Amino acid sequence: MAEILTPYDTGQRAEPALWQRSRAEVLQVMRHGEAEDIGNVDFDDDEGTTVATVHVSRDPDGGHTVHVIPHTDTIRLDLHTER
């Protein structure tokens, strides 16, 4: 039987990897690390290379900002705004 490949396996989608995988790890970073590291998600290609790091923060006016840190020169942003 042939192995069924996921979109992560084929490179169709970048695979998300949380920087902290548990509440305990988040608390550890809050106590001893950089607050900017909390909530970051790396998106890795099928070779394990990080393509981008993303996090969302709340704005003082109650809105939100999505932060995208590219790790490649060939990244594009497609904003979906339909509700």
PDB file of N, CA and C in Angstrom:
ATOM      1  N   MET A   1       0.841  -1.185   0.000  1.00  0.00           N
ATOM      2  CA  MET A   1       0.000   0.000   0.000  1.00  0.00           C
ATOM      3  C   MET A   1       0.888   1.250   0.000  1.00  0.00           C
ATOM      4  N   ALA A   2       0.559   2.200  -0.847  1.00  0.00           N
ATOM      5  CA  ALA A   2       1.350   3.427  -0.972  1.00  0.00           C
ATOM      6  C   ALA A   2       1.116   4.338   0.224  1.00  0.00           C
ATOM      7  N   GLU A   3       2.184   4.997   0.634  1.00  0.00           N
ATOM      8  CA  GLU A   3       2.087   5.949   1.736  1.00  0.00           C
ATOM      9  C   GLU A   3       1.310   7.178   1.269  1.00  0.00           C
ATOM     10  N   ILE A   4       0.393   7.649   2.101  1.00  0.00           N
ATOM     11  CA  ILE A   4      -0.367   8.857   1.786  1.00  0.00           C
ATOM     12  C   ILE A   4       0.415  10.047   2.317  1.00  0.00           C
ATOM     13  N   LEU A   5       0.797  10.934   1.403  1.00  0.00           N
ATOM     14  CA  LEU A   5       1.572  12.109   1.782  1.00  0.00           C
ATOM     15  C   LEU A   5       0.653  13.268   2.130  1.00  0.00           C
ATOM     16  N   THR A   6       1.019  14.006   3.146  1.00  0.00           N
ATOM     17  CA  THR A   6       0.256  15.184   3.548  1.00  0.00           C
ATOM     18  C   THR A   6       0.747  16.391   2.752  1.00  0.00           C
ATOM     19  N   PRO A   7      -0.007  17.504   2.769  1.00  0.00           N
ATOM     20  CA  PRO A   7       0.487  18.727   2.125  1.00  0.00           C
ATOM     21  C   PRO A   7       1.817  19.200   2.723  1.00  0.00           C
ATOM     22  N   TYR A   8       2.104  18.846   3.979  1.00  0.00           N
ATOM     23  CA  TYR A   8       3.388  19.178   4.591  1.00  0.00           C
ATOM     24  C   TYR A   8       4.502  18.355   3.943  1.00  0.00           C
ATOM     25  N   ASP A   9       4.217  17.066   3.682  1.00  0.00           N
ATOM     26  CA  ASP A   9       5.208  16.181   3.074  1.00  0.00           C
ATOM     27  C   ASP A   9       5.562  16.596   1.651  1.00  0.00           C
ATOM     28  N   THR A  10       4.570  17.063   0.910  1.00  0.00           N
ATOM     29  CA  THR A  10       4.788  17.395  -0.502  1.00  0.00           C
ATOM     30  C   THR A  10       5.324  18.808  -0.700  1.00  0.00           C
ATOM     31  N   GLY A  11       5.330  19.615   0.360  1.00  0.00           N
ATOM     32  CA  GLY A  11       5.788  20.996   0.240  1.00  0.00           C
ATOM     33  C   GLY A  11       4.694  21.948  -0.172  1.00  0.00           C
ATOM     34  N   GLN A  12       3.460  21.453  -0.312  1.00  0.00           N
ATOM     35  CA  GLN A  12       2.328  22.298  -0.687  1.00  0.00           C
ATOM     36  C   GLN A  12       2.011  23.319   0.406  1.00  0.00           C
ATOM     37  N   ARG A  13       2.208  22.937   1.663  1.00  0.00           N
ATOM     38  CA  ARG A  13       2.001  23.828   2.815  1.00  0.00           C
ATOM     39  C   ARG A  13       3.219  23.804   3.712  1.00  0.00           C
ATOM     40  N   ALA A  14       3.532  24.952   4.304  1.00  0.00           N
ATOM     41  CA  ALA A  14       4.591  25.011   5.309  1.00  0.00           C
ATOM     42  C   ALA A  14       4.007  24.525   6.631  1.00  0.00           C
ATOM     43  N   GLU A  15       4.773  23.739   7.352  1.00  0.00           N
ATOM     44  CA  GLU A  15       4.280  23.125   8.594  1.00  0.00           C
ATOM     45  C   GLU A  15       4.522  24.042   9.788  1.00  0.00           C
ATOM     46  N   PRO A  16       3.461  24.307  10.591  1.00  0.00           N
ATOM     47  CA  PRO A  16       3.619  25.182  11.756  1.00  0.00           C
ATOM     48  C   PRO A  16       4.329  24.478  12.908  1.00  0.00           C
ATOM     49  N   ALA A  17       5.159  25.241  13.618  1.00  0.00           N
ATOM     50  CA  ALA A  17       5.854  24.732  14.799  1.00  0.00           C
ATOM     51  C   ALA A  17       5.862  25.836  15.852  1.00  0.00           C
ATOM     52  N   LEU A  18       5.093  25.639  16.919  1.00  0.00           N
ATOM     53  CA  LEU A  18       5.057  26.617  18.015  1.00  0.00           C
ATOM     54  C   LEU A  18       6.409  26.699  18.702  1.00  0.00           C
ATOM     55  N   TRP A  19       6.804  27.893  19.103  1.00  0.00           N
ATOM     56  CA  TRP A  19       8.061  28.050  19.833  1.00  0.00           C
ATOM     57  C   TRP A  19       7.941  27.446  21.226  1.00  0.00           C
ATOM     58  N   GLN A  20       6.778  27.587  21.866  1.00  0.00           N
ATOM     59  CA  GLN A  20       6.514  26.949  23.155  1.00  0.00           C
ATOM     60  C   GLN A  20       5.339  26.005  22.939  1.00  0.00           C
ATOM     61  N   ARG A  21       5.508  24.779  23.328  1.00  0.00           N
ATOM     62  CA  ARG A  21       4.489  23.762  23.036  1.00  0.00           C
ATOM     63  C   ARG A  21       3.541  23.495  24.203  1.00  0.00           C
ATOM     64  N   SER A  22       3.734  24.205  25.318  1.00  0.00           N
ATOM     65  CA  SER A  22       2.847  23.996  26.468  1.00  0.00           C
ATOM     66  C   SER A  22       2.757  25.275  27.285  1.00  0.00           C
ATOM     67  N   ARG A  23       1.767  25.338  28.144  1.00  0.00           N
ATOM     68  CA  ARG A  23       1.602  26.479  29.033  1.00  0.00           C
ATOM     69  C   ARG A  23       2.818  26.620  29.949  1.00  0.00           C
ATOM     70  N   ALA A  24       3.372  25.489  30.387  1.00  0.00           N
ATOM     71  CA  ALA A  24       4.552  25.521  31.258  1.00  0.00           C
ATOM     72  C   ALA A  24       5.737  26.173  30.540  1.00  0.00           C
ATOM     73  N   GLU A  25       5.905  25.871  29.257  1.00  0.00           N
ATOM     74  CA  GLU A  25       6.998  26.484  28.496  1.00  0.00           C
ATOM     75  C   GLU A  25       6.762  27.981  28.320  1.00  0.00           C
ATOM     76  N   VAL A  26       5.512  28.394  28.119  1.00  0.00           N
ATOM     77  CA  VAL A  26       5.190  29.821  28.008  1.00  0.00           C
ATOM     78  C   VAL A  26       5.537  30.527  29.320  1.00  0.00           C
ATOM     79  N   LEU A  27       5.149  29.943  30.440  1.00  0.00           N
ATOM     80  CA  LEU A  27       5.447  30.533  31.750  1.00  0.00           C
ATOM     81  C   LEU A  27       6.953  30.645  31.979  1.00  0.00           C
ATOM     82  N   GLN A  28       7.697  29.638  31.553  1.00  0.00           N
ATOM     83  CA  GLN A  28       9.156  29.663  31.692  1.00  0.00           C
ATOM     84  C   GLN A  28       9.745  30.845  30.913  1.00  0.00           C
ATOM     85  N   VAL A  29       9.262  31.069  29.692  1.00  0.00           N
ATOM     86  CA  VAL A  29       9.755  32.192  28.890  1.00  0.00           C
ATOM     87  C   VAL A  29       9.336  33.510  29.522  1.00  0.00           C
ATOM     88  N   MET A  30       8.114  33.576  30.053  1.00  0.00           N
ATOM     89  CA  MET A  30       7.652  34.810  30.693  1.00  0.00           C
ATOM     90  C   MET A  30       8.528  35.160  31.888  1.00  0.00           C
ATOM     91  N   ARG A  31       8.976  34.143  32.614  1.00  0.00           N
ATOM     92  CA  ARG A  31       9.787  34.386  33.811  1.00  0.00           C
ATOM     93  C   ARG A  31      11.255  34.664  33.495  1.00  0.00           C
ATOM     94  N   HIS A  32      11.785  33.985  32.469  1.00  0.00           N
ATOM     95  CA  HIS A  32      13.236  34.032  32.261  1.00  0.00           C
ATOM     96  C   HIS A  32      13.662  34.376  30.839  1.00  0.00           C
ATOM     97  N   GLY A  33      12.728  34.599  29.951  1.00  0.00           N
ATOM     98  CA  GLY A  33      13.100  34.822  28.561  1.00  0.00           C
ATOM     99  C   GLY A  33      12.651  36.174  28.043  1.00  0.00           C
ATOM    100  N   GLU A  34      12.516  36.247  26.758  1.00  0.00           N
ATOM    101  CA  GLU A  34      12.093  37.456  26.067  1.00  0.00           C
ATOM    102  C   GLU A  34      10.599  37.378  25.775  1.00  0.00           C
ATOM    103  N   ALA A  35       9.845  38.373  26.212  1.00  0.00           N
ATOM    104  CA  ALA A  35       8.402  38.391  25.977  1.00  0.00           C
ATOM    105  C   ALA A  35       8.081  38.334  24.492  1.00  0.00           C
ATOM    106  N   GLU A  36       8.962  38.855  23.660  1.00  0.00           N
ATOM    107  CA  GLU A  36       8.741  38.849  22.210  1.00  0.00           C
ATOM    108  C   GLU A  36       8.742  37.439  21.631  1.00  0.00           C
ATOM    109  N   ASP A  37       9.265  36.465  22.367  1.00  0.00           N
ATOM    110  CA  ASP A  37       9.315  35.086  21.885  1.00  0.00           C
ATOM    111  C   ASP A  37       7.996  34.342  22.089  1.00  0.00           C
ATOM    112  N   ILE A  38       7.086  34.894  22.880  1.00  0.00           N
ATOM    113  CA  ILE A  38       5.836  34.206  23.198  1.00  0.00           C
ATOM    114  C   ILE A  38       4.852  34.338  22.040  1.00  0.00           C
ATOM    115  N   GLY A  39       4.257  33.218  21.659  1.00  0.00           N
ATOM    116  CA  GLY A  39       3.232  33.212  20.620  1.00  0.00           C
ATOM    117  C   GLY A  39       3.758  33.098  19.203  1.00  0.00           C
ATOM    118  N   ASN A  40       5.069  32.995  19.046  1.00  0.00           N
ATOM    119  CA  ASN A  40       5.627  32.861  17.704  1.00  0.00           C
ATOM    120  C   ASN A  40       5.408  31.457  17.161  1.00  0.00           C
ATOM    121  N   VAL A  41       5.142  31.392  15.865  1.00  0.00           N
ATOM    122  CA  VAL A  41       4.999  30.125  15.163  1.00  0.00           C
ATOM    123  C   VAL A  41       5.925  30.171  13.953  1.00  0.00           C
ATOM    124  N   ASP A  42       6.816  29.189  13.848  1.00  0.00           N
ATOM    125  CA  ASP A  42       7.645  29.048  12.660  1.00  0.00           C
ATOM    126  C   ASP A  42       6.882  28.215  11.647  1.00  0.00           C
ATOM    127  N   PHE A  43       7.013  28.543  10.389  1.00  0.00           N
ATOM    128  CA  PHE A  43       6.448  27.746   9.312  1.00  0.00           C
ATOM    129  C   PHE A  43       7.612  27.204   8.497  1.00  0.00           C
ATOM    130  N   ASP A  44       7.762  25.869   8.518  1.00  0.00           N
ATOM    131  CA  ASP A  44       8.902  25.196   7.905  1.00  0.00           C
ATOM    132  C   ASP A  44       8.490  24.494   6.614  1.00  0.00           C
ATOM    133  N   ASP A  45       9.397  24.521   5.618  1.00  0.00           N
ATOM    134  CA  ASP A  45       9.115  23.826   4.365  1.00  0.00           C
ATOM    135  C   ASP A  45       9.373  22.328   4.522  1.00  0.00           C
ATOM    136  N   ASP A  46       9.194  21.575   3.442  1.00  0.00           N
ATOM    137  CA  ASP A  46       9.322  20.120   3.508  1.00  0.00           C
ATOM    138  C   ASP A  46      10.759  19.654   3.754  1.00  0.00           C
ATOM    139  N   GLU A  47      11.721  20.570   3.667  1.00  0.00           N
ATOM    140  CA  GLU A  47      13.118  20.245   3.972  1.00  0.00           C
ATOM    141  C   GLU A  47      13.485  20.637   5.398  1.00  0.00           C
ATOM    142  N   GLY A  48      12.529  21.222   6.150  1.00  0.00           N
ATOM    143  CA  GLY A  48      12.777  21.613   7.535  1.00  0.00           C
ATOM    144  C   GLY A  48      13.352  22.999   7.697  1.00  0.00           C
ATOM    145  N   THR A  49      13.382  23.780   6.616  1.00  0.00           N
ATOM    146  CA  THR A  49      13.889  25.146   6.673  1.00  0.00           C
ATOM    147  C   THR A  49      12.760  26.094   7.025  1.00  0.00           C
ATOM    148  N   THR A  50      12.986  27.003   7.975  1.00  0.00           N
ATOM    149  CA  THR A  50      11.954  27.957   8.363  1.00  0.00           C
ATOM    150  C   THR A  50      11.781  29.003   7.265  1.00  0.00           C
ATOM    151  N   VAL A  51      10.536  29.127   6.783  1.00  0.00           N
ATOM    152  CA  VAL A  51      10.191  30.062   5.721  1.00  0.00           C
ATOM    153  C   VAL A  51       9.799  31.413   6.310  1.00  0.00           C
ATOM    154  N   ALA A  52       9.017  31.378   7.414  1.00  0.00           N
ATOM    155  CA  ALA A  52       8.560  32.607   8.061  1.00  0.00           C
ATOM    156  C   ALA A  52       8.217  32.315   9.514  1.00  0.00           C
ATOM    157  N   THR A  53       8.295  33.362  10.326  1.00  0.00           N
ATOM    158  CA  THR A  53       7.830  33.311  11.705  1.00  0.00           C
ATOM    159  C   THR A  53       6.686  34.308  11.818  1.00  0.00           C
ATOM    160  N   VAL A  54       5.589  33.886  12.484  1.00  0.00           N
ATOM    161  CA  VAL A  54       4.376  34.703  12.553  1.00  0.00           C
ATOM    162  C   VAL A  54       3.880  34.771  13.992  1.00  0.00           C
ATOM    163  N   HIS A  55       3.370  35.928  14.375  1.00  0.00           N
ATOM    164  CA  HIS A  55       2.631  36.046  15.637  1.00  0.00           C
ATOM    165  C   HIS A  55       1.610  37.175  15.488  1.00  0.00           C
ATOM    166  N   VAL A  56       0.629  37.187  16.376  1.00  0.00           N
ATOM    167  CA  VAL A  56      -0.437  38.193  16.369  1.00  0.00           C
ATOM    168  C   VAL A  56      -0.421  38.902  17.712  1.00  0.00           C
ATOM    169  N   SER A  57      -0.485  40.232  17.669  1.00  0.00           N
ATOM    170  CA  SER A  57      -0.527  41.000  18.915  1.00  0.00           C
ATOM    171  C   SER A  57      -1.741  41.923  18.912  1.00  0.00           C
ATOM    172  N   ARG A  58      -2.163  42.286  20.112  1.00  0.00           N
ATOM    173  CA  ARG A  58      -3.289  43.202  20.266  1.00  0.00           C
ATOM    174  C   ARG A  58      -2.782  44.634  20.243  1.00  0.00           C
ATOM    175  N   ASP A  59      -3.501  45.492  19.542  1.00  0.00           N
ATOM    176  CA  ASP A  59      -3.172  46.913  19.468  1.00  0.00           C
ATOM    177  C   ASP A  59      -3.814  47.661  20.634  1.00  0.00           C
ATOM    178  N   PRO A  60      -3.284  48.821  20.992  1.00  0.00           N
ATOM    179  CA  PRO A  60      -3.879  49.614  22.075  1.00  0.00           C
ATOM    180  C   PRO A  60      -5.344  49.975  21.816  1.00  0.00           C
ATOM    181  N   ASP A  61      -5.741  50.076  20.538  1.00  0.00           N
ATOM    182  CA  ASP A  61      -7.129  50.430  20.214  1.00  0.00           C
ATOM    183  C   ASP A  61      -8.069  49.218  20.180  1.00  0.00           C
ATOM    184  N   GLY A  62      -7.559  48.038  20.546  1.00  0.00           N
ATOM    185  CA  GLY A  62      -8.390  46.838  20.583  1.00  0.00           C
ATOM    186  C   GLY A  62      -8.323  46.004  19.322  1.00  0.00           C
ATOM    187  N   GLY A  63      -7.688  46.517  18.270  1.00  0.00           N
ATOM    188  CA  GLY A  63      -7.502  45.748  17.047  1.00  0.00           C
ATOM    189  C   GLY A  63      -6.342  44.774  17.196  1.00  0.00           C
ATOM    190  N   HIS A  64      -5.965  44.144  16.123  1.00  0.00           N
ATOM    191  CA  HIS A  64      -4.862  43.182  16.141  1.00  0.00           C
ATOM    192  C   HIS A  64      -3.933  43.421  14.954  1.00  0.00           C
ATOM    193  N   THR A  65      -2.668  43.104  15.150  1.00  0.00           N
ATOM    194  CA  THR A  65      -1.669  43.174  14.092  1.00  0.00           C
ATOM    195  C   THR A  65      -1.051  41.801  13.921  1.00  0.00           C
ATOM    196  N   VAL A  66      -0.988  41.337  12.671  1.00  0.00           N
ATOM    197  CA  VAL A  66      -0.303  40.091  12.336  1.00  0.00           C
ATOM    198  C   VAL A  66       1.121  40.450  11.924  1.00  0.00           C
ATOM    199  N   HIS A  67       2.087  39.882  12.617  1.00  0.00           N
ATOM    200  CA  HIS A  67       3.497  40.144  12.351  1.00  0.00           C
ATOM    201  C   HIS A  67       4.070  38.953  11.580  1.00  0.00           C
ATOM    202  N   VAL A  68       4.648  39.215  10.426  1.00  0.00           N
ATOM    203  CA  VAL A  68       5.260  38.173   9.603  1.00  0.00           C
ATOM    204  C   VAL A  68       6.733  38.513   9.438  1.00  0.00           C
ATOM    205  N   ILE A  69       7.589  37.600   9.881  1.00  0.00           N
ATOM    206  CA  ILE A  69       9.025  37.775   9.751  1.00  0.00           C
ATOM    207  C   ILE A  69       9.504  36.775   8.690  1.00  0.00           C
ATOM    208  N   PRO A  70       9.807  37.254   7.481  1.00  0.00           N
ATOM    209  CA  PRO A  70      10.226  36.329   6.427  1.00  0.00           C
ATOM    210  C   PRO A  70      11.673  35.870   6.628  1.00  0.00           C
ATOM    211  N   HIS A  71      11.931  34.625   6.246  1.00  0.00           N
ATOM    212  CA  HIS A  71      13.286  34.073   6.304  1.00  0.00           C
ATOM    213  C   HIS A  71      13.748  33.653   4.914  1.00  0.00           C
ATOM    214  N   THR A  72      13.086  34.172   3.889  1.00  0.00           N
ATOM    215  CA  THR A  72      13.431  33.898   2.501  1.00  0.00           C
ATOM    216  C   THR A  72      13.117  35.132   1.675  1.00  0.00           C
ATOM    217  N   ASP A  73      13.781  35.279   0.565  1.00  0.00           N
ATOM    218  CA  ASP A  73      13.549  36.432  -0.303  1.00  0.00           C
ATOM    219  C   ASP A  73      12.325  36.267  -1.196  1.00  0.00           C
ATOM    220  N   THR A  74      11.777  35.060  -1.261  1.00  0.00           N
ATOM    221  CA  THR A  74      10.692  34.789  -2.202  1.00  0.00           C
ATOM    222  C   THR A  74       9.345  34.616  -1.510  1.00  0.00           C
ATOM    223  N   ILE A  75       9.091  35.402  -0.483  1.00  0.00           N
ATOM    224  CA  ILE A  75       7.827  35.288   0.244  1.00  0.00           C
ATOM    225  C   ILE A  75       6.862  36.376  -0.222  1.00  0.00           C
ATOM    226  N   ARG A  76       5.601  36.010  -0.362  1.00  0.00           N
ATOM    227  CA  ARG A  76       4.537  36.952  -0.715  1.00  0.00           C
ATOM    228  C   ARG A  76       3.455  36.879   0.360  1.00  0.00           C
ATOM    229  N   LEU A  77       2.672  37.934   0.486  1.00  0.00           N
ATOM    230  CA  LEU A  77       1.591  37.983   1.452  1.00  0.00           C
ATOM    231  C   LEU A  77       0.275  38.105   0.713  1.00  0.00           C
ATOM    232  N   ASP A  78      -0.660  37.196   0.993  1.00  0.00           N
ATOM    233  CA  ASP A  78      -1.993  37.207   0.382  1.00  0.00           C
ATOM    234  C   ASP A  78      -2.988  37.398   1.518  1.00  0.00           C
ATOM    235  N   LEU A  79      -3.558  38.581   1.617  1.00  0.00           N
ATOM    236  CA  LEU A  79      -4.476  38.912   2.700  1.00  0.00           C
ATOM    237  C   LEU A  79      -5.908  38.591   2.275  1.00  0.00           C
ATOM    238  N   HIS A  80      -6.561  37.701   3.005  1.00  0.00           N
ATOM    239  CA  HIS A  80      -7.945  37.318   2.741  1.00  0.00           C
ATOM    240  C   HIS A  80      -8.846  38.159   3.665  1.00  0.00           C
ATOM    241  N   THR A  81      -9.684  39.001   3.090  1.00  0.00           N
ATOM    242  CA  THR A  81     -10.468  39.916   3.902  1.00  0.00           C
ATOM    243  C   THR A  81     -11.964  39.650   3.859  1.00  0.00           C
ATOM    244  N   GLU A  82     -12.397  38.649   3.106  1.00  0.00           N
ATOM    245  CA  GLU A  82     -13.831  38.358   3.072  1.00  0.00           C
ATOM    246  C   GLU A  82     -14.263  37.766   4.406  1.00  0.00           C
ATOM    247  N   ARG A  83     -15.492  38.056   4.818  1.00  0.00           N
ATOM    248  CA  ARG A  83     -15.995  37.573   6.114  1.00  0.00           C
ATOM    249  C   ARG A  83     -17.177  36.693   5.924  1.00  0.00           C
TER     250      ARG A  83
END
